[in-house]
C-alpha atoms as a PDB file:
ATOM      1  CA  UNK A   1     -50.877 175.260 -19.622  1.00  0.00           C
ATOM      2  CA  UNK A   2     -48.191 172.664 -19.349  1.00  0.00           C
ATOM      3  CA  UNK A   3     -46.171 170.827 -16.720  1.00  0.00           C
ATOM      4  CA  UNK A   4     -42.445 171.070 -15.999  1.00  0.00           C
ATOM      5  CA  UNK A   5     -40.364 168.904 -13.687  1.00  0.00           C
ATOM      6  CA  UNK A   6     -37.266 169.699 -11.690  1.00  0.00           C
ATOM      7  CA  UNK A   7     -35.716 166.487 -10.384  1.00  0.00           C
ATOM      8  CA  UNK A   8     -32.626 165.583  -8.419  1.00  0.00           C
ATOM      9  CA  UNK A   9     -32.172 162.339 -10.375  1.00  0.00           C
ATOM     10  CA  UNK A  10     -32.175 161.325 -14.006  1.00  0.00           C
ATOM     11  CA  UNK A  11     -34.543 158.372 -13.564  1.00  0.00           C
ATOM     12  CA  UNK A  12     -37.428 160.493 -12.419  1.00  0.00           C
ATOM     13  CA  UNK A  13     -36.848 162.992 -15.205  1.00  0.00           C
ATOM     14  CA  UNK A  14     -36.611 160.211 -17.793  1.00  0.00           C
ATOM     15  CA  UNK A  15     -39.908 158.651 -16.598  1.00  0.00           C
ATOM     16  CA  UNK A  16     -41.738 161.931 -16.832  1.00  0.00           C
ATOM     17  CA  UNK A  17     -40.243 162.737 -20.176  1.00  0.00           C
ATOM     18  CA  UNK A  18     -41.716 159.467 -21.462  1.00  0.00           C
ATOM     19  CA  UNK A  19     -45.041 160.850 -20.338  1.00  0.00           C
ATOM     20  CA  UNK A  20     -44.424 164.110 -22.240  1.00  0.00           C
ATOM     21  CA  UNK A  21     -43.311 166.322 -19.387  1.00  0.00           C
ATOM     22  CA  UNK A  22     -40.299 168.511 -20.020  1.00  0.00           C
ATOM     23  CA  UNK A  23     -37.755 169.250 -17.282  1.00  0.00           C
ATOM     24  CA  UNK A  24     -34.242 169.369 -15.938  1.00  0.00           C
ATOM     25  CA  UNK A  25     -32.059 167.740 -13.306  1.00  0.00           C
ATOM     26  CA  UNK A  26     -30.738 170.042 -10.554  1.00  0.00           C
ATOM     27  CA  UNK A  27     -28.283 169.104  -7.795  1.00  0.00           C
ATOM     28  CA  UNK A  28     -26.968 172.473  -6.635  1.00  0.00           C
ATOM     29  CA  UNK A  29     -28.592 175.725  -5.531  1.00  0.00           C
ATOM     30  CA  UNK A  30     -27.272 177.344  -8.732  1.00  0.00           C
ATOM     31  CA  UNK A  31     -28.816 174.732 -11.031  1.00  0.00           C
ATOM     32  CA  UNK A  32     -32.098 174.968  -9.107  1.00  0.00           C
ATOM     33  CA  UNK A  33     -32.038 178.808  -9.295  1.00  0.00           C
ATOM     34  CA  UNK A  34     -31.512 178.658 -13.085  1.00  0.00           C
ATOM     35  CA  UNK A  35     -34.350 176.200 -13.485  1.00  0.00           C
ATOM     36  CA  UNK A  36     -36.717 178.256 -11.283  1.00  0.00           C
ATOM     37  CA  UNK A  37     -35.847 181.392 -13.284  1.00  0.00           C
ATOM     38  CA  UNK A  38     -36.841 179.591 -16.427  1.00  0.00           C
ATOM     39  CA  UNK A  39     -40.097 178.336 -14.896  1.00  0.00           C
ATOM     40  CA  UNK A  40     -40.913 181.861 -13.658  1.00  0.00           C
ATOM     41  CA  UNK A  41     -40.280 183.383 -17.077  1.00  0.00           C
ATOM     42  CA  UNK A  42     -42.368 180.899 -19.048  1.00  0.00           C
ATOM     43  CA  UNK A  43     -46.050 181.852 -18.603  1.00  0.00           C
ATOM     44  CA  UNK A  44     -47.183 178.590 -20.245  1.00  0.00           C
ATOM     45  CA  UNK A  45     -45.992 176.513 -17.264  1.00  0.00           C
ATOM     46  CA  UNK A  46     -48.956 176.027 -14.925  1.00  0.00           C
ATOM     47  CA  UNK A  47     -47.673 173.100 -12.844  1.00  0.00           C
ATOM     48  CA  UNK A  48     -44.201 172.624 -11.451  1.00  0.00           C
ATOM     49  CA  UNK A  49     -43.346 169.105 -10.335  1.00  0.00           C
ATOM     50  CA  UNK A  50     -40.321 168.903  -7.999  1.00  0.00           C
ATOM     51  CA  UNK A  51     -38.971 165.840  -6.239  1.00  0.00           C
ATOM     52  CA  UNK A  52     -39.542 165.803  -2.474  1.00  0.00           C
ATOM     53  CA  UNK A  53     -35.888 165.501  -1.605  1.00  0.00           C
ATOM     54  CA  UNK A  54     -34.942 168.509  -3.760  1.00  0.00           C
ATOM     55  CA  UNK A  55     -37.843 170.632  -2.433  1.00  0.00           C
ATOM     56  CA  UNK A  56     -36.839 169.763   1.123  1.00  0.00           C
ATOM     57  CA  UNK A  57     -33.202 170.686   0.496  1.00  0.00           C
ATOM     58  CA  UNK A  58     -34.174 174.081  -0.891  1.00  0.00           C
ATOM     59  CA  UNK A  59     -37.329 174.796   1.086  1.00  0.00           C
ATOM     60  CA  UNK A  60     -36.910 178.620   1.180  1.00  0.00           C
ATOM     61  CA  UNK A  61     -36.669 178.899  -2.596  1.00  0.00           C
ATOM     62  CA  UNK A  62     -39.684 176.668  -3.147  1.00  0.00           C
ATOM     63  CA  UNK A  63     -41.771 178.413  -0.506  1.00  0.00           C
ATOM     64  CA  UNK A  64     -40.973 181.745  -2.153  1.00  0.00           C
ATOM     65  CA  UNK A  65     -42.717 180.519  -5.295  1.00  0.00           C
ATOM     66  CA  UNK A  66     -45.602 178.926  -3.444  1.00  0.00           C
ATOM     67  CA  UNK A  67     -46.335 182.060  -1.389  1.00  0.00           C
ATOM     68  CA  UNK A  68     -45.378 184.709  -3.913  1.00  0.00           C
ATOM     69  CA  UNK A  69     -47.025 183.613  -7.136  1.00  0.00           C
ATOM     70  CA  UNK A  70     -50.367 182.321  -8.207  1.00  0.00           C
ATOM     71  CA  UNK A  71     -48.797 180.143 -10.879  1.00  0.00           C
ATOM     72  CA  UNK A  72     -47.184 177.704 -11.244  1.00  0.00           C
ATOM     73  CA  UNK A  73     -48.769 175.352  -8.833  1.00  0.00           C
ATOM     74  CA  UNK A  74     -45.883 173.575  -7.070  1.00  0.00           C
ATOM     75  CA  UNK A  75     -46.312 169.863  -6.448  1.00  0.00           C
ATOM     76  CA  UNK A  76     -43.787 167.720  -4.587  1.00  0.00           C
ATOM     77  CA  UNK A  77     -43.505 164.221  -6.016  1.00  0.00           C
ATOM     78  CA  UNK A  78     -41.619 161.163  -4.657  1.00  0.00           C
ATOM     79  CA  UNK A  79     -38.554 159.957  -6.615  1.00  0.00           C
ATOM     80  CA  UNK A  80     -37.589 156.449  -7.502  1.00  0.00           C
ATOM     81  CA  UNK A  81     -36.573 155.843  -3.868  1.00  0.00           C
ATOM     82  CA  UNK A  82     -40.066 156.488  -2.607  1.00  0.00           C
ATOM     83  CA  UNK A  83     -41.617 159.209  -0.506  1.00  0.00           C
ATOM     84  CA  UNK A  84     -39.975 160.948   2.379  1.00  0.00           C
ATOM     85  CA  UNK A  85     -43.282 161.569   4.052  1.00  0.00           C
ATOM     86  CA  UNK A  86     -44.546 159.718   7.093  1.00  0.00           C
ATOM     87  CA  UNK A  87     -47.540 157.406   6.643  1.00  0.00           C
ATOM     88  CA  UNK A  88     -49.820 159.827   8.488  1.00  0.00           C
ATOM     89  CA  UNK A  89     -48.599 163.050   6.829  1.00  0.00           C
ATOM     90  CA  UNK A  90     -52.066 164.035   5.564  1.00  0.00           C
ATOM     91  CA  UNK A  91     -53.757 163.643   8.976  1.00  0.00           C
ATOM     92  CA  UNK A  92     -50.884 165.516  10.664  1.00  0.00           C
ATOM     93  CA  UNK A  93     -51.277 168.355   8.097  1.00  0.00           C
ATOM     94  CA  UNK A  94     -55.071 168.615   8.796  1.00  0.00           C
ATOM     95  CA  UNK A  95     -54.453 168.635  12.561  1.00  0.00           C
ATOM     96  CA  UNK A  96     -51.861 171.324  12.191  1.00  0.00           C
ATOM     97  CA  UNK A  97     -53.977 173.441   9.774  1.00  0.00           C
ATOM     98  CA  UNK A  98     -57.368 173.322  11.559  1.00  0.00           C
ATOM     99  CA  UNK A  99     -56.685 171.802  14.926  1.00  0.00           C
ATOM    100  CA  UNK A 100     -58.873 168.690  14.397  1.00  0.00           C
ATOM    101  CA  UNK A 101     -57.494 165.221  15.033  1.00  0.00           C
ATOM    102  CA  UNK A 102     -58.696 162.596  12.541  1.00  0.00           C
ATOM    103  CA  UNK A 103     -58.930 159.050  13.716  1.00  0.00           C
END
């Protein structure tokens, strides 16, 4: 299994390519759709890395993969501008998922 990255900026893609991860840059829904088709057709891709901003802009398309397929595992990563998540995103997620507030 290998990783593949779909990024909304060249810098993130370049950094991951230096680490040996293949990928593409996508700015439009069409470019993202083409990249997702490729990922879906390649059975060797086990992990899809996608920048948080891009995943947030095309949430329905990303959720379709997350909920409809076992592989690839979709992981949202911050880009060079940092993360878009709030500092307590993990605790908020736990509270929402199981109803327990963590201190």
